[in-house]
Amino acid sequence: MAPAYLADYCQPTTVTAGRTRLRSANTQQLAIPWTNTGYGDRSIAVSGPSAWNSLPTALRMSDYSLTTFRTQLKALLFM
């Protein structure tokens, strides 16, 4: 559901070469690119997947509709 320019930054760990045997490959986590600078760590390519990976597994693995996902996320953030 994301625009193409943002979807390019959000690659699952199963797509990333050499990561098929990791435990995170089955938990719908996103691959975080390695950066060498402090500025790179604050980019959308790093902070977006980091925020997604910090969500509970139950929220990431579910087949919620968009409205249900938003409700669950709001309940989690404002607890």
N, C-alpha and C. Protein backbone atom coordinates (compact mmCIF):
# COMPACT_ATOMS: atom_id res chain seq x y z
N MET A 1 0.81 -1.20 0.00
CA MET A 1 0.00 0.00 0.00
C MET A 1 0.86 1.26 0.00
N ALA A 2 2.16 1.13 0.07
CA ALA A 2 3.05 2.29 0.11
C ALA A 2 3.43 2.71 -1.31
N PRO A 3 3.76 3.99 -1.49
CA PRO A 3 4.25 4.43 -2.79
C PRO A 3 5.54 3.70 -3.15
N ALA A 4 5.82 3.61 -4.43
CA ALA A 4 6.96 2.84 -4.92
C ALA A 4 8.29 3.36 -4.36
N TYR A 5 8.43 4.66 -4.22
CA TYR A 5 9.69 5.21 -3.74
C TYR A 5 9.94 4.85 -2.27
N LEU A 6 8.89 4.59 -1.49
CA LEU A 6 9.06 4.14 -0.11
C LEU A 6 9.14 2.62 -0.02
N ALA A 7 8.43 1.93 -0.90
CA ALA A 7 8.44 0.46 -0.88
C ALA A 7 9.83 -0.08 -1.22
N ASP A 8 10.61 0.67 -1.96
CA ASP A 8 11.97 0.23 -2.28
C ASP A 8 12.84 0.14 -1.04
N TYR A 9 12.55 0.94 -0.02
CA TYR A 9 13.33 0.94 1.21
C TYR A 9 12.88 -0.16 2.18
N CYS A 10 11.72 -0.72 1.95
CA CYS A 10 11.15 -1.69 2.89
C CYS A 10 11.19 -3.09 2.30
N GLN A 11 12.34 -3.71 2.33
CA GLN A 11 12.51 -5.05 1.81
C GLN A 11 12.47 -6.05 2.96
N PRO A 12 11.65 -7.11 2.85
CA PRO A 12 11.63 -8.12 3.91
C PRO A 12 12.97 -8.83 4.01
N THR A 13 13.25 -9.39 5.17
CA THR A 13 14.52 -10.09 5.36
C THR A 13 14.61 -11.33 4.50
N THR A 14 13.47 -11.88 4.06
CA THR A 14 13.50 -13.06 3.21
C THR A 14 13.99 -12.72 1.80
N VAL A 15 13.82 -11.48 1.37
CA VAL A 15 14.25 -11.06 0.04
C VAL A 15 15.75 -10.75 0.02
N THR A 16 16.27 -10.30 1.14
CA THR A 16 17.67 -9.92 1.22
C THR A 16 18.55 -11.15 1.07
N ALA A 17 19.51 -11.08 0.20
CA ALA A 17 20.39 -12.22 -0.08
C ALA A 17 21.18 -12.62 1.16
N GLY A 18 21.25 -13.91 1.41
CA GLY A 18 22.03 -14.43 2.51
C GLY A 18 21.32 -14.42 3.85
N ARG A 19 20.06 -14.02 3.89
CA ARG A 19 19.34 -13.94 5.16
C ARG A 19 18.20 -14.94 5.24
N THR A 20 18.19 -15.95 4.43
CA THR A 20 17.07 -16.88 4.42
C THR A 20 17.09 -17.83 5.60
N ARG A 21 18.22 -18.00 6.26
CA ARG A 21 18.28 -18.93 7.38
C ARG A 21 18.20 -18.24 8.73
N LEU A 22 17.98 -16.95 8.75
CA LEU A 22 17.86 -16.24 10.01
C LEU A 22 16.50 -16.46 10.64
N ARG A 23 16.43 -16.39 11.96
CA ARG A 23 15.14 -16.51 12.65
C ARG A 23 14.21 -15.38 12.28
N SER A 24 14.75 -14.22 11.98
CA SER A 24 13.92 -13.07 11.63
C SER A 24 13.26 -13.21 10.26
N ALA A 25 13.68 -14.18 9.46
CA ALA A 25 13.09 -14.36 8.14
C ALA A 25 11.64 -14.82 8.23
N ASN A 26 11.25 -15.43 9.34
CA ASN A 26 9.88 -15.92 9.49
C ASN A 26 8.99 -14.99 10.30
N THR A 27 9.48 -13.85 10.72
CA THR A 27 8.70 -12.95 11.57
C THR A 27 8.30 -11.66 10.88
N GLN A 28 8.36 -11.61 9.59
CA GLN A 28 7.98 -10.45 8.79
C GLN A 28 8.71 -9.19 9.22
N GLN A 29 10.00 -9.30 9.46
CA GLN A 29 10.80 -8.13 9.76
C GLN A 29 11.36 -7.57 8.46
N LEU A 30 11.73 -6.31 8.50
CA LEU A 30 12.30 -5.64 7.34
C LEU A 30 13.81 -5.54 7.51
N ALA A 31 14.51 -5.65 6.39
CA ALA A 31 15.96 -5.54 6.41
C ALA A 31 16.36 -4.09 6.62
N ILE A 32 17.31 -3.87 7.50
CA ILE A 32 17.80 -2.53 7.80
C ILE A 32 19.17 -2.38 7.15
N PRO A 33 19.32 -1.42 6.24
CA PRO A 33 20.63 -1.26 5.60
C PRO A 33 21.68 -0.78 6.59
N TRP A 34 22.88 -1.22 6.39
CA TRP A 34 23.99 -0.83 7.24
C TRP A 34 24.49 0.53 6.82
N THR A 35 24.68 1.41 7.81
CA THR A 35 25.20 2.75 7.52
C THR A 35 26.45 2.99 8.34
N ASN A 36 27.25 3.90 7.87
CA ASN A 36 28.52 4.19 8.51
C ASN A 36 28.54 5.57 9.16
N THR A 37 27.44 6.30 9.05
CA THR A 37 27.40 7.67 9.58
C THR A 37 26.18 7.85 10.47
N GLY A 38 26.22 8.88 11.28
CA GLY A 38 25.07 9.22 12.11
C GLY A 38 23.91 9.75 11.31
N TYR A 39 24.21 10.41 10.19
CA TYR A 39 23.15 10.93 9.34
C TYR A 39 22.39 9.79 8.67
N GLY A 40 23.10 8.75 8.28
CA GLY A 40 22.46 7.61 7.63
C GLY A 40 21.52 6.87 8.55
N ASP A 41 21.81 6.86 9.85
CA ASP A 41 20.93 6.18 10.81
C ASP A 41 19.60 6.89 10.97
N ARG A 42 19.53 8.17 10.62
CA ARG A 42 18.29 8.93 10.75
C ARG A 42 17.50 8.99 9.46
N SER A 43 17.95 8.34 8.41
CA SER A 43 17.26 8.37 7.13
C SER A 43 16.02 7.48 7.18
N ILE A 44 15.12 7.69 6.24
CA ILE A 44 13.89 6.89 6.19
C ILE A 44 14.21 5.44 5.86
N ALA A 45 15.29 5.18 5.15
CA ALA A 45 15.66 3.81 4.80
C ALA A 45 16.05 3.00 6.03
N VAL A 46 16.50 3.66 7.09
CA VAL A 46 16.89 2.96 8.32
C VAL A 46 15.82 3.11 9.39
N SER A 47 15.29 4.30 9.60
CA SER A 47 14.35 4.52 10.69
C SER A 47 12.98 3.87 10.44
N GLY A 48 12.55 3.79 9.19
CA GLY A 48 11.27 3.15 8.88
C GLY A 48 11.26 1.67 9.22
N PRO A 49 12.20 0.89 8.65
CA PRO A 49 12.26 -0.53 9.02
C PRO A 49 12.54 -0.76 10.50
N SER A 50 13.31 0.12 11.13
CA SER A 50 13.59 -0.03 12.56
C SER A 50 12.30 0.12 13.38
N ALA A 51 11.48 1.09 13.00
CA ALA A 51 10.21 1.29 13.70
C ALA A 51 9.27 0.10 13.48
N TRP A 52 9.23 -0.42 12.26
CA TRP A 52 8.40 -1.59 11.97
C TRP A 52 8.86 -2.81 12.76
N ASN A 53 10.17 -3.03 12.81
CA ASN A 53 10.71 -4.18 13.52
C ASN A 53 10.52 -4.08 15.03
N SER A 54 10.31 -2.87 15.55
CA SER A 54 10.11 -2.71 16.98
C SER A 54 8.68 -3.01 17.41
N LEU A 55 7.76 -3.16 16.46
CA LEU A 55 6.38 -3.52 16.79
C LEU A 55 6.32 -4.95 17.30
N PRO A 56 5.35 -5.27 18.14
CA PRO A 56 5.20 -6.66 18.60
C PRO A 56 4.92 -7.59 17.43
N THR A 57 5.37 -8.81 17.56
CA THR A 57 5.21 -9.79 16.48
C THR A 57 3.74 -10.02 16.15
N ALA A 58 2.88 -10.03 17.14
CA ALA A 58 1.45 -10.25 16.89
C ALA A 58 0.86 -9.18 15.99
N LEU A 59 1.34 -7.97 16.11
CA LEU A 59 0.83 -6.88 15.29
C LEU A 59 1.39 -6.96 13.87
N ARG A 60 2.65 -7.37 13.74
CA ARG A 60 3.26 -7.50 12.41
C ARG A 60 2.75 -8.70 11.64
N MET A 61 2.47 -9.80 12.31
CA MET A 61 2.11 -11.04 11.65
C MET A 61 0.62 -11.16 11.34
N SER A 62 -0.18 -10.24 11.78
CA SER A 62 -1.63 -10.35 11.63
C SER A 62 -2.08 -9.95 10.23
N ASP A 63 -3.27 -10.39 9.89
CA ASP A 63 -3.89 -10.03 8.62
C ASP A 63 -5.03 -9.04 8.86
N TYR A 64 -4.72 -8.00 9.63
CA TYR A 64 -5.72 -6.99 9.95
C TYR A 64 -6.02 -6.13 8.74
N SER A 65 -7.23 -5.57 8.73
CA SER A 65 -7.51 -4.54 7.74
C SER A 65 -6.78 -3.27 8.18
N LEU A 66 -6.73 -2.29 7.34
CA LEU A 66 -6.02 -1.06 7.66
C LEU A 66 -6.61 -0.37 8.89
N THR A 67 -7.93 -0.32 8.97
CA THR A 67 -8.55 0.35 10.11
C THR A 67 -8.30 -0.41 11.41
N THR A 68 -8.33 -1.74 11.36
CA THR A 68 -8.07 -2.54 12.56
C THR A 68 -6.62 -2.41 12.97
N PHE A 69 -5.71 -2.39 11.99
CA PHE A 69 -4.28 -2.22 12.30
C PHE A 69 -4.05 -0.87 12.97
N ARG A 70 -4.67 0.17 12.46
CA ARG A 70 -4.52 1.50 13.05
C ARG A 70 -5.03 1.53 14.49
N THR A 71 -6.17 0.87 14.73
CA THR A 71 -6.73 0.82 16.07
C THR A 71 -5.79 0.08 17.03
N GLN A 72 -5.26 -1.06 16.59
CA GLN A 72 -4.35 -1.83 17.42
C GLN A 72 -3.06 -1.06 17.68
N LEU A 73 -2.55 -0.37 16.66
CA LEU A 73 -1.32 0.42 16.82
C LEU A 73 -1.55 1.59 17.77
N LYS A 74 -2.68 2.25 17.65
CA LYS A 74 -2.99 3.36 18.54
C LYS A 74 -3.13 2.89 19.98
N ALA A 75 -3.75 1.72 20.17
CA ALA A 75 -3.88 1.16 21.51
C ALA A 75 -2.49 0.83 22.09
N LEU A 76 -1.59 0.35 21.26
CA LEU A 76 -0.24 0.02 21.71
C LEU A 76 0.56 1.28 22.06
N LEU A 77 0.45 2.31 21.24
CA LEU A 77 1.25 3.51 21.45
C LEU A 77 0.76 4.37 22.61
N PHE A 78 -0.54 4.36 22.86
CA PHE A 78 -1.08 5.22 23.91
C PHE A 78 -1.42 4.46 25.17
N MET A 79 -0.81 3.32 25.37
CA MET A 79 -1.01 2.54 26.59
C MET A 79 -0.27 3.13 27.73
